Amino acid sequence: MSVIKLLLGILGTAGIVYLALCGWLWVSQRRLMYLPSATVVTTPSAFGVDYTDVWIPVKSTDGGRLHGWWLPAKSDHPLTILYLHGNAGNISDNLGKALELRSLGAAVLTIDYRGYGQSSGPFPSEQRLYEDAWATWQYLHHERGVAAHHLVIYGHSLGGAIGIELASHIPHLAGLVVEGSFTSMADMASRSQYNRWFPARRLVNQKFDSLAKVQHLEMPTLYIHGVADASIPATMSKALYQATGGPKTLWLVPNADHNDLTAWAGDEFRQRLYRFLQDYVWVQR
């Protein structure tokens, strides 16, 4: 009888520890998911590009303000591209992509979410990131006079999920580009190391359910993904592409991983984006 009690005690303790670990994953997942840096490693001036520091207040319960860089267009072309970076670093770590987009002739705004870079405010969450993106659109529309049909949203990785959410709330948006993004955070959790021991999908509270949203998109959408992406499989962009309701294009880049796509794509990166703008965006002006 004492052996049975001992075994029950061990099982009970193990169960409590397991539930405690599940609780830790529930509470701590934002710290595992969002990896901001406050260190600004470079600025556009280092590349000889004029820019303006932008500060955008976020009107929400949590408050705070966003910092970003406005890179004016080289010409009087009315197109503006909003660049939304991924889960790590800040705008200075992702400046190369913003400069690539500016080379298309458009003005570019790249922003840091609250908790990233020089932006103030609380640590990121799914809802706060959506609020940050919406505040940025309001700034562009009301302070810069950017009309929806002159705006293209470009999101990389997590920024792609944020871009999909924002695009779903802006009628007549000129276009959306989603690079190396995922179908949902639950699907990503199923691929994680935690899924071997825990019900990872059920523990996700940062949903980012892009797959459920893209079917309602009406603007032209370009999906880009590296075939060799070890962080987010290209099959997820294929699934997003297949589920998207509006005009859509899919470009899979051979050999490209998650953060080196432009290096592998070379000049084709600008050529493909230029063609997308020609085929879907500029014809609507």
C-alpha atoms as a PDB file:
ATOM      1  CA  MET A   1       0.000   0.000   0.000  1.00  0.00           C
ATOM      2  CA  SER A   2       2.855   2.360   0.823  1.00  0.00           C
ATOM      3  CA  VAL A   3       4.359   1.701  -2.637  1.00  0.00           C
ATOM      4  CA  ILE A   4       1.071   2.671  -4.288  1.00  0.00           C
ATOM      5  CA  LYS A   5       0.905   5.855  -2.235  1.00  0.00           C
ATOM      6  CA  LEU A   6       4.486   6.615  -3.184  1.00  0.00           C
ATOM      7  CA  LEU A   7       3.721   6.137  -6.889  1.00  0.00           C
ATOM      8  CA  LEU A   8       0.591   8.276  -6.624  1.00  0.00           C
ATOM      9  CA  GLY A   9       2.622  10.940  -4.882  1.00  0.00           C
ATOM     10  CA  ILE A  10       5.257  10.884  -7.606  1.00  0.00           C
ATOM     11  CA  LEU A  11       2.617  11.052 -10.344  1.00  0.00           C
ATOM     12  CA  GLY A  12       0.853  13.864  -8.564  1.00  0.00           C
ATOM     13  CA  THR A  13       4.059  15.845  -8.232  1.00  0.00           C
ATOM     14  CA  ALA A  14       4.937  15.184 -11.859  1.00  0.00           C
ATOM     15  CA  GLY A  15       1.487  16.373 -12.893  1.00  0.00           C
ATOM     16  CA  ILE A  16       1.847  19.572 -10.906  1.00  0.00           C
ATOM     17  CA  VAL A  17       5.287  20.228 -12.437  1.00  0.00           C
ATOM     18  CA  TYR A  18       3.929  19.557 -15.932  1.00  0.00           C
ATOM     19  CA  LEU A  19       1.005  21.941 -15.449  1.00  0.00           C
ATOM     20  CA  ALA A  20       3.375  24.534 -14.020  1.00  0.00           C
ATOM     21  CA  LEU A  21       5.553  24.263 -17.135  1.00  0.00           C
ATOM     22  CA  CYS A  22       2.459  24.633 -19.334  1.00  0.00           C
ATOM     23  CA  GLY A  23       1.571  27.734 -17.354  1.00  0.00           C
ATOM     24  CA  TRP A  24       5.094  29.076 -17.829  1.00  0.00           C
ATOM     25  CA  LEU A  25       4.800  28.634 -21.597  1.00  0.00           C
ATOM     26  CA  TRP A  26       1.433  30.413 -21.576  1.00  0.00           C
ATOM     27  CA  VAL A  27       2.798  33.367 -19.625  1.00  0.00           C
ATOM     28  CA  SER A  28       6.292  33.548 -21.130  1.00  0.00           C
ATOM     29  CA  GLN A  29       5.604  33.001 -24.816  1.00  0.00           C
ATOM     30  CA  ARG A  30       5.729  36.717 -25.639  1.00  0.00           C
ATOM     31  CA  ARG A  31       9.289  36.848 -24.291  1.00  0.00           C
ATOM     32  CA  LEU A  32      10.157  33.854 -26.467  1.00  0.00           C
ATOM     33  CA  MET A  33       8.419  35.273 -29.532  1.00  0.00           C
ATOM     34  CA  TYR A  34       9.380  38.954 -29.554  1.00  0.00           C
ATOM     35  CA  LEU A  35      13.112  39.740 -29.509  1.00  0.00           C
ATOM     36  CA  PRO A  36      13.462  43.519 -29.638  1.00  0.00           C
ATOM     37  CA  SER A  37      16.732  45.424 -29.524  1.00  0.00           C
ATOM     38  CA  ALA A  38      17.193  49.034 -28.414  1.00  0.00           C
ATOM     39  CA  THR A  39      20.580  49.402 -30.122  1.00  0.00           C
ATOM     40  CA  VAL A  40      20.491  51.429 -33.343  1.00  0.00           C
ATOM     41  CA  VAL A  41      23.390  50.099 -35.396  1.00  0.00           C
ATOM     42  CA  THR A  42      23.086  52.438 -38.400  1.00  0.00           C
ATOM     43  CA  THR A  43      20.903  55.105 -39.994  1.00  0.00           C
ATOM     44  CA  PRO A  44      19.976  55.943 -43.600  1.00  0.00           C
ATOM     45  CA  SER A  45      22.515  58.792 -43.592  1.00  0.00           C
ATOM     46  CA  ALA A  46      25.289  56.180 -43.483  1.00  0.00           C
ATOM     47  CA  PHE A  47      24.147  55.218 -47.001  1.00  0.00           C
ATOM     48  CA  GLY A  48      23.827  58.806 -48.197  1.00  0.00           C
ATOM     49  CA  VAL A  49      20.028  58.726 -48.011  1.00  0.00           C
ATOM     50  CA  ASP A  50      18.009  61.668 -46.714  1.00  0.00           C
ATOM     51  CA  TYR A  51      15.495  60.766 -44.058  1.00  0.00           C
ATOM     52  CA  THR A  52      13.277  62.195 -41.348  1.00  0.00           C
ATOM     53  CA  ASP A  53      12.786  60.818 -37.857  1.00  0.00           C
ATOM     54  CA  VAL A  54       9.094  60.160 -37.319  1.00  0.00           C
ATOM     55  CA  TRP A  55       7.295  59.928 -33.970  1.00  0.00           C
ATOM     56  CA  ILE A  56       3.779  58.494 -33.933  1.00  0.00           C
ATOM     57  CA  PRO A  57       1.590  58.478 -30.810  1.00  0.00           C
ATOM     58  CA  VAL A  58      -0.419  55.315 -30.175  1.00  0.00           C
ATOM     59  CA  LYS A  59      -3.898  56.085 -28.922  1.00  0.00           C
ATOM     60  CA  SER A  60      -4.622  53.081 -26.752  1.00  0.00           C
ATOM     61  CA  THR A  61      -4.956  52.195 -23.081  1.00  0.00           C
ATOM     62  CA  ASP A  62      -1.244  51.338 -22.909  1.00  0.00           C
ATOM     63  CA  GLY A  63      -0.088  54.512 -24.667  1.00  0.00           C
ATOM     64  CA  GLY A  64       3.438  55.026 -25.951  1.00  0.00           C
ATOM     65  CA  ARG A  65       4.768  56.239 -29.269  1.00  0.00           C
ATOM     66  CA  LEU A  66       6.448  54.740 -32.288  1.00  0.00           C
ATOM     67  CA  HIS A  67       9.726  55.784 -33.843  1.00  0.00           C
ATOM     68  CA  GLY A  68      10.322  55.413 -37.541  1.00  0.00           C
ATOM     69  CA  TRP A  69      12.233  56.695 -40.542  1.00  0.00           C
ATOM     70  CA  TRP A  70      10.568  58.444 -43.456  1.00  0.00           C
ATOM     71  CA  LEU A  71      12.598  57.950 -46.644  1.00  0.00           C
ATOM     72  CA  PRO A  72      11.245  60.350 -49.268  1.00  0.00           C
ATOM     73  CA  ALA A  73      10.865  59.234 -52.854  1.00  0.00           C
ATOM     74  CA  LYS A  74      13.546  60.144 -55.361  1.00  0.00           C
ATOM     75  CA  SER A  75      10.883  61.506 -57.695  1.00  0.00           C
ATOM     76  CA  ASP A  76       7.350  62.886 -57.404  1.00  0.00           C
ATOM     77  CA  HIS A  77       5.837  59.407 -57.727  1.00  0.00           C
ATOM     78  CA  PRO A  78       2.875  59.193 -55.315  1.00  0.00           C
ATOM     79  CA  LEU A  79       3.441  55.588 -54.210  1.00  0.00           C
ATOM     80  CA  THR A  80       4.347  54.972 -50.560  1.00  0.00           C
ATOM     81  CA  ILE A  81       5.532  51.657 -49.104  1.00  0.00           C
ATOM     82  CA  LEU A  82       5.061  50.865 -45.413  1.00  0.00           C
ATOM     83  CA  TYR A  83       7.723  48.367 -44.339  1.00  0.00           C
ATOM     84  CA  LEU A  84       6.968  46.182 -41.297  1.00  0.00           C
ATOM     85  CA  HIS A  85       9.943  44.188 -40.023  1.00  0.00           C
ATOM     86  CA  GLY A  86      10.035  40.839 -38.238  1.00  0.00           C
ATOM     87  CA  ASN A  87      10.180  39.807 -34.586  1.00  0.00           C
ATOM     88  CA  ALA A  88      13.840  40.599 -33.853  1.00  0.00           C
ATOM     89  CA  GLY A  89      16.095  43.648 -33.791  1.00  0.00           C
ATOM     90  CA  ASN A  90      14.760  47.021 -34.923  1.00  0.00           C
ATOM     91  CA  ILE A  91      14.537  49.210 -38.020  1.00  0.00           C
ATOM     92  CA  SER A  92      18.302  49.690 -38.187  1.00  0.00           C
ATOM     93  CA  ASP A  93      18.821  45.934 -38.530  1.00  0.00           C
ATOM     94  CA  ASN A  94      16.311  45.895 -41.384  1.00  0.00           C
ATOM     95  CA  LEU A  95      17.382  49.073 -43.154  1.00  0.00           C
ATOM     96  CA  GLY A  96      18.722  47.231 -46.196  1.00  0.00           C
ATOM     97  CA  LYS A  97      15.249  46.053 -47.168  1.00  0.00           C
ATOM     98  CA  ALA A  98      13.788  49.538 -46.747  1.00  0.00           C
ATOM     99  CA  LEU A  99      16.467  50.958 -49.051  1.00  0.00           C
ATOM    100  CA  GLU A 100      15.755  48.247 -51.626  1.00  0.00           C
ATOM    101  CA  LEU A 101      12.093  49.228 -51.602  1.00  0.00           C
ATOM    102  CA  ARG A 102      12.947  52.917 -51.964  1.00  0.00           C
ATOM    103  CA  SER A 103      14.992  52.070 -55.062  1.00  0.00           C
ATOM    104  CA  LEU A 104      11.680  51.300 -56.783  1.00  0.00           C
ATOM    105  CA  GLY A 105      10.966  55.034 -56.801  1.00  0.00           C
ATOM    106  CA  ALA A 106       8.523  55.053 -53.877  1.00  0.00           C
ATOM    107  CA  ALA A 107       8.660  56.816 -50.544  1.00  0.00           C
ATOM    108  CA  VAL A 108       9.186  54.381 -47.662  1.00  0.00           C
ATOM    109  CA  LEU A 109       8.149  54.513 -44.033  1.00  0.00           C
ATOM    110  CA  THR A 110       9.703  51.924 -41.739  1.00  0.00           C
ATOM    111  CA  ILE A 111       8.684  51.851 -38.084  1.00  0.00           C
ATOM    112  CA  ASP A 112       9.599  50.118 -34.860  1.00  0.00           C
ATOM    113  CA  TYR A 113       6.782  48.625 -32.824  1.00  0.00           C
ATOM    114  CA  ARG A 114       6.449  49.615 -29.185  1.00  0.00           C
ATOM    115  CA  GLY A 115       9.240  47.976 -27.220  1.00  0.00           C
ATOM    116  CA  TYR A 116      11.589  47.984 -30.240  1.00  0.00           C
ATOM    117  CA  GLY A 117      14.375  50.425 -31.049  1.00  0.00           C
ATOM    118  CA  GLN A 118      13.617  53.957 -29.899  1.00  0.00           C
ATOM    119  CA  SER A 119       9.872  53.385 -29.681  1.00  0.00           C
ATOM    120  CA  SER A 120       8.439  53.751 -26.196  1.00  0.00           C
ATOM    121  CA  GLY A 121       5.644  51.889 -24.505  1.00  0.00           C
ATOM    122  CA  PRO A 122       4.988  48.409 -23.128  1.00  0.00           C
ATOM    123  CA  PHE A 123       6.425  45.103 -24.272  1.00  0.00           C
ATOM    124  CA  PRO A 124       4.829  43.852 -27.511  1.00  0.00           C
ATOM    125  CA  SER A 125       1.738  41.682 -27.752  1.00  0.00           C
ATOM    126  CA  GLU A 126      -0.367  40.661 -30.738  1.00  0.00           C
ATOM    127  CA  GLN A 127      -3.007  43.304 -30.020  1.00  0.00           C
ATOM    128  CA  ARG A 128      -0.407  46.018 -29.403  1.00  0.00           C
ATOM    129  CA  LEU A 129       1.339  45.243 -32.682  1.00  0.00           C
ATOM    130  CA  TYR A 130      -1.975  45.598 -34.502  1.00  0.00           C
ATOM    131  CA  GLU A 131      -2.527  48.920 -32.722  1.00  0.00           C
ATOM    132  CA  ASP A 132       0.959  50.071 -33.753  1.00  0.00           C
ATOM    133  CA  ALA A 133       0.285  49.257 -37.411  1.00  0.00           C
ATOM    134  CA  TRP A 134      -3.064  51.040 -37.331  1.00  0.00           C
ATOM    135  CA  ALA A 135      -1.509  54.134 -35.708  1.00  0.00           C
ATOM    136  CA  THR A 136       1.098  54.152 -38.479  1.00  0.00           C
ATOM    137  CA  TRP A 137      -1.573  54.029 -41.186  1.00  0.00           C
ATOM    138  CA  GLN A 138      -3.435  56.887 -39.479  1.00  0.00           C
ATOM    139  CA  TYR A 139      -0.214  58.906 -39.471  1.00  0.00           C
ATOM    140  CA  LEU A 140       0.411  58.239 -43.150  1.00  0.00           C
ATOM    141  CA  HIS A 141      -3.149  59.102 -44.108  1.00  0.00           C
ATOM    142  CA  HIS A 142      -3.712  62.183 -41.957  1.00  0.00           C
ATOM    143  CA  GLU A 143      -0.207  63.635 -41.569  1.00  0.00           C
ATOM    144  CA  ARG A 144       1.415  62.648 -44.883  1.00  0.00           C
ATOM    145  CA  GLY A 145      -1.728  62.726 -47.013  1.00  0.00           C
ATOM    146  CA  VAL A 146      -1.185  59.187 -48.325  1.00  0.00           C
ATOM    147  CA  ALA A 147      -4.336  57.749 -49.883  1.00  0.00           C
ATOM    148  CA  ALA A 148      -5.049  54.042 -49.526  1.00  0.00           C
ATOM    149  CA  HIS A 149      -4.799  53.479 -53.290  1.00  0.00           C
ATOM    150  CA  HIS A 150      -1.267  54.922 -53.181  1.00  0.00           C
ATOM    151  CA  LEU A 151      -0.063  52.670 -50.325  1.00  0.00           C
ATOM    152  CA  VAL A 152       1.641  49.283 -50.514  1.00  0.00           C
ATOM    153  CA  ILE A 153       2.260  47.367 -47.278  1.00  0.00           C
ATOM    154  CA  TYR A 154       5.368  45.173 -47.200  1.00  0.00           C
ATOM    155  CA  GLY A 155       5.746  42.813 -44.251  1.00  0.00           C
ATOM    156  CA  HIS A 156       8.534  40.357 -43.532  1.00  0.00           C
ATOM    157  CA  SER A 157       7.982  37.312 -41.275  1.00  0.00           C
ATOM    158  CA  LEU A 158       6.004  38.515 -38.246  1.00  0.00           C
ATOM    159  CA  GLY A 159       5.616  41.809 -40.103  1.00  0.00           C
ATOM    160  CA  GLY A 160       3.778  39.877 -42.807  1.00  0.00           C
ATOM    161  CA  ALA A 161       1.152  38.736 -40.304  1.00  0.00           C
ATOM    162  CA  ILE A 162       0.826  42.311 -39.009  1.00  0.00           C
ATOM    163  CA  GLY A 163       0.567  43.549 -42.589  1.00  0.00           C
ATOM    164  CA  ILE A 164      -2.204  41.080 -43.412  1.00  0.00           C
ATOM    165  CA  GLU A 165      -4.185  42.233 -40.382  1.00  0.00           C
ATOM    166  CA  LEU A 166      -3.720  45.914 -41.280  1.00  0.00           C
ATOM    167  CA  ALA A 167      -4.537  45.361 -44.952  1.00  0.00           C
ATOM    168  CA  SER A 168      -7.810  43.660 -44.023  1.00  0.00           C
ATOM    169  CA  HIS A 169      -8.975  46.973 -42.475  1.00  0.00           C
ATOM    170  CA  ILE A 170      -7.983  49.381 -45.273  1.00  0.00           C
ATOM    171  CA  PRO A 171     -10.394  49.477 -48.228  1.00  0.00           C
ATOM    172  CA  HIS A 172      -8.898  50.164 -51.669  1.00  0.00           C
ATOM    173  CA  LEU A 173      -5.311  49.469 -50.567  1.00  0.00           C
ATOM    174  CA  ALA A 174      -2.963  49.531 -53.560  1.00  0.00           C
ATOM    175  CA  GLY A 175      -1.166  46.302 -52.702  1.00  0.00           C
ATOM    176  CA  LEU A 176       0.300  43.955 -50.121  1.00  0.00           C
ATOM    177  CA  VAL A 177       3.641  42.107 -50.173  1.00  0.00           C
ATOM    178  CA  VAL A 178       4.222  39.312 -47.656  1.00  0.00           C
ATOM    179  CA  GLU A 179       7.721  37.868 -47.395  1.00  0.00           C
ATOM    180  CA  GLY A 180       8.611  34.703 -45.475  1.00  0.00           C
ATOM    181  CA  SER A 181       5.543  34.703 -43.253  1.00  0.00           C
ATOM    182  CA  PHE A 182       3.466  31.980 -41.629  1.00  0.00           C
ATOM    183  CA  THR A 183      -0.102  30.697 -41.721  1.00  0.00           C
ATOM    184  CA  SER A 184      -0.703  31.053 -37.971  1.00  0.00           C
ATOM    185  CA  MET A 185       1.270  30.998 -34.747  1.00  0.00           C
ATOM    186  CA  ALA A 186      -0.502  27.769 -33.796  1.00  0.00           C
ATOM    187  CA  ASP A 187       0.928  26.143 -36.924  1.00  0.00           C
ATOM    188  CA  MET A 188       4.369  27.459 -35.984  1.00  0.00           C
ATOM    189  CA  ALA A 189       3.970  26.100 -32.449  1.00  0.00           C
ATOM    190  CA  SER A 190       3.249  22.650 -33.897  1.00  0.00           C
ATOM    191  CA  ARG A 191       6.690  22.776 -35.528  1.00  0.00           C
ATOM    192  CA  SER A 192       8.510  23.951 -32.405  1.00  0.00           C
ATOM    193  CA  GLN A 193      10.626  21.918 -29.996  1.00  0.00           C
ATOM    194  CA  TYR A 194       7.984  22.443 -27.311  1.00  0.00           C
ATOM    195  CA  ASN A 195       5.440  20.429 -29.274  1.00  0.00           C
ATOM    196  CA  ARG A 196       7.315  17.211 -28.415  1.00  0.00           C
ATOM    197  CA  TRP A 197       6.324  17.520 -24.763  1.00  0.00           C
ATOM    198  CA  PHE A 198       3.450  19.996 -24.566  1.00  0.00           C
ATOM    199  CA  PRO A 199       0.148  20.686 -26.369  1.00  0.00           C
ATOM    200  CA  ALA A 200       1.807  23.671 -28.044  1.00  0.00           C
ATOM    201  CA  ARG A 201      -1.137  24.652 -30.266  1.00  0.00           C
ATOM    202  CA  ARG A 202      -3.459  24.888 -27.281  1.00  0.00           C
ATOM    203  CA  LEU A 203      -1.001  27.006 -25.318  1.00  0.00           C
ATOM    204  CA  VAL A 204      -0.685  29.728 -27.966  1.00  0.00           C
ATOM    205  CA  ASN A 205      -2.267  33.029 -26.923  1.00  0.00           C
ATOM    206  CA  GLN A 206      -0.586  35.104 -29.656  1.00  0.00           C
ATOM    207  CA  LYS A 207      -2.699  33.804 -32.531  1.00  0.00           C
ATOM    208  CA  PHE A 208      -1.708  35.725 -35.708  1.00  0.00           C
ATOM    209  CA  ASP A 209      -4.156  33.602 -37.692  1.00  0.00           C
ATOM    210  CA  SER A 210      -3.271  34.915 -41.141  1.00  0.00           C
ATOM    211  CA  LEU A 211      -4.743  31.916 -42.958  1.00  0.00           C
ATOM    212  CA  ALA A 212      -8.221  32.806 -41.715  1.00  0.00           C
ATOM    213  CA  LYS A 213      -7.818  36.430 -42.836  1.00  0.00           C
ATOM    214  CA  VAL A 214      -6.341  36.236 -46.331  1.00  0.00           C
ATOM    215  CA  GLN A 215      -9.494  34.807 -47.875  1.00  0.00           C
ATOM    216  CA  HIS A 216     -11.096  38.208 -47.326  1.00  0.00           C
ATOM    217  CA  LEU A 217      -8.291  40.233 -48.931  1.00  0.00           C
ATOM    218  CA  GLU A 218      -9.299  42.102 -52.068  1.00  0.00           C
ATOM    219  CA  MET A 219      -6.127  44.024 -52.897  1.00  0.00           C
ATOM    220  CA  PRO A 220      -3.365  42.558 -55.111  1.00  0.00           C
ATOM    221  CA  THR A 221      -1.051  40.433 -52.953  1.00  0.00           C
ATOM    222  CA  LEU A 222       2.451  39.168 -53.660  1.00  0.00           C
ATOM    223  CA  TYR A 223       3.843  36.316 -51.562  1.00  0.00           C
ATOM    224  CA  ILE A 224       7.617  35.843 -51.492  1.00  0.00           C
ATOM    225  CA  HIS A 225       9.409  32.996 -49.728  1.00  0.00           C
ATOM    226  CA  GLY A 226      12.816  31.389 -49.727  1.00  0.00           C
ATOM    227  CA  VAL A 227      12.709  27.723 -50.669  1.00  0.00           C
ATOM    228  CA  ALA A 228      15.464  26.954 -48.123  1.00  0.00           C
ATOM    229  CA  ASP A 229      13.830  28.916 -45.286  1.00  0.00           C
ATOM    230  CA  ALA A 230      14.674  26.956 -42.124  1.00  0.00           C
ATOM    231  CA  SER A 231      12.597  29.186 -39.825  1.00  0.00           C
ATOM    232  CA  ILE A 232       9.272  29.249 -41.657  1.00  0.00           C
ATOM    233  CA  PRO A 233       8.665  26.678 -44.412  1.00  0.00           C
ATOM    234  CA  ALA A 234       7.753  27.921 -47.878  1.00  0.00           C
ATOM    235  CA  THR A 235       4.705  25.656 -47.768  1.00  0.00           C
ATOM    236  CA  MET A 236       3.111  28.247 -45.474  1.00  0.00           C
ATOM    237  CA  SER A 237       3.323  30.951 -48.135  1.00  0.00           C
ATOM    238  CA  LYS A 238       1.881  28.458 -50.600  1.00  0.00           C
ATOM    239  CA  ALA A 239      -1.058  27.882 -48.243  1.00  0.00           C
ATOM    240  CA  LEU A 240      -1.586  31.633 -47.793  1.00  0.00           C
ATOM    241  CA  TYR A 241      -1.434  32.133 -51.551  1.00  0.00           C
ATOM    242  CA  GLN A 242      -3.973  29.402 -52.202  1.00  0.00           C
ATOM    243  CA  ALA A 243      -6.380  30.792 -49.596  1.00  0.00           C
ATOM    244  CA  THR A 244      -6.131  34.431 -50.717  1.00  0.00           C
ATOM    245  CA  GLY A 245      -9.289  35.797 -52.256  1.00  0.00           C
ATOM    246  CA  GLY A 246      -8.061  38.707 -54.394  1.00  0.00           C
ATOM    247  CA  PRO A 247      -5.477  38.996 -57.190  1.00  0.00           C
ATOM    248  CA  LYS A 248      -2.348  37.162 -56.096  1.00  0.00           C
ATOM    249  CA  THR A 249       1.161  36.148 -57.095  1.00  0.00           C
ATOM    250  CA  LEU A 250       3.609  33.692 -55.527  1.00  0.00           C
ATOM    251  CA  TRP A 251       7.365  33.862 -55.953  1.00  0.00           C
ATOM    252  CA  LEU A 252       9.551  31.152 -54.412  1.00  0.00           C
ATOM    253  CA  VAL A 253      13.254  32.029 -54.350  1.00  0.00           C
ATOM    254  CA  PRO A 254      15.638  29.048 -54.746  1.00  0.00           C
ATOM    255  CA  ASN A 255      18.325  28.594 -52.047  1.00  0.00           C
ATOM    256  CA  ALA A 256      17.099  31.558 -49.990  1.00  0.00           C
ATOM    257  CA  ASP A 257      16.791  31.223 -46.214  1.00  0.00           C
ATOM    258  CA  HIS A 258      14.723  33.427 -43.902  1.00  0.00           C
ATOM    259  CA  ASN A 259      16.913  36.541 -43.767  1.00  0.00           C
ATOM    260  CA  ASP A 260      19.037  36.396 -46.918  1.00  0.00           C
ATOM    261  CA  LEU A 261      16.383  36.378 -49.631  1.00  0.00           C
ATOM    262  CA  THR A 262      17.473  39.606 -51.318  1.00  0.00           C
ATOM    263  CA  ALA A 263      21.061  38.350 -51.490  1.00  0.00           C
ATOM    264  CA  TRP A 264      19.989  35.177 -53.309  1.00  0.00           C
ATOM    265  CA  ALA A 265      17.432  36.959 -55.480  1.00  0.00           C
ATOM    266  CA  GLY A 266      19.861  39.693 -56.589  1.00  0.00           C
ATOM    267  CA  ASP A 267      18.507  42.058 -59.225  1.00  0.00           C
ATOM    268  CA  GLU A 268      15.479  39.819 -59.669  1.00  0.00           C
ATOM    269  CA  PHE A 269      14.139  41.124 -56.340  1.00  0.00           C
ATOM    270  CA  ARG A 270      13.598  44.609 -57.732  1.00  0.00           C
ATOM    271  CA  GLN A 271      12.512  43.253 -61.104  1.00  0.00           C
ATOM    272  CA  ARG A 272       9.810  41.081 -59.547  1.00  0.00           C
ATOM    273  CA  LEU A 273       8.539  43.872 -57.310  1.00  0.00           C
ATOM    274  CA  TYR A 274       8.605  46.327 -60.198  1.00  0.00           C
ATOM    275  CA  ARG A 275       6.596  43.883 -62.313  1.00  0.00           C
ATOM    276  CA  PHE A 276       4.084  43.413 -59.483  1.00  0.00           C
ATOM    277  CA  LEU A 277       3.664  47.175 -59.218  1.00  0.00           C
ATOM    278  CA  GLN A 278       3.341  47.505 -62.992  1.00  0.00           C
ATOM    279  CA  ASP A 279       0.811  44.697 -63.333  1.00  0.00           C
ATOM    280  CA  TYR A 280      -1.394  45.487 -60.336  1.00  0.00           C
ATOM    281  CA  VAL A 281      -0.641  48.810 -58.660  1.00  0.00           C
ATOM    282  CA  TRP A 282       0.395  51.513 -61.116  1.00  0.00           C
ATOM    283  CA  VAL A 283      -2.375  50.588 -63.571  1.00  0.00           C
ATOM    284  CA  GLN A 284      -4.909  51.520 -60.862  1.00  0.00           C
ATOM    285  CA  ARG A 285      -3.605  55.057 -60.355  1.00  0.00           C
END
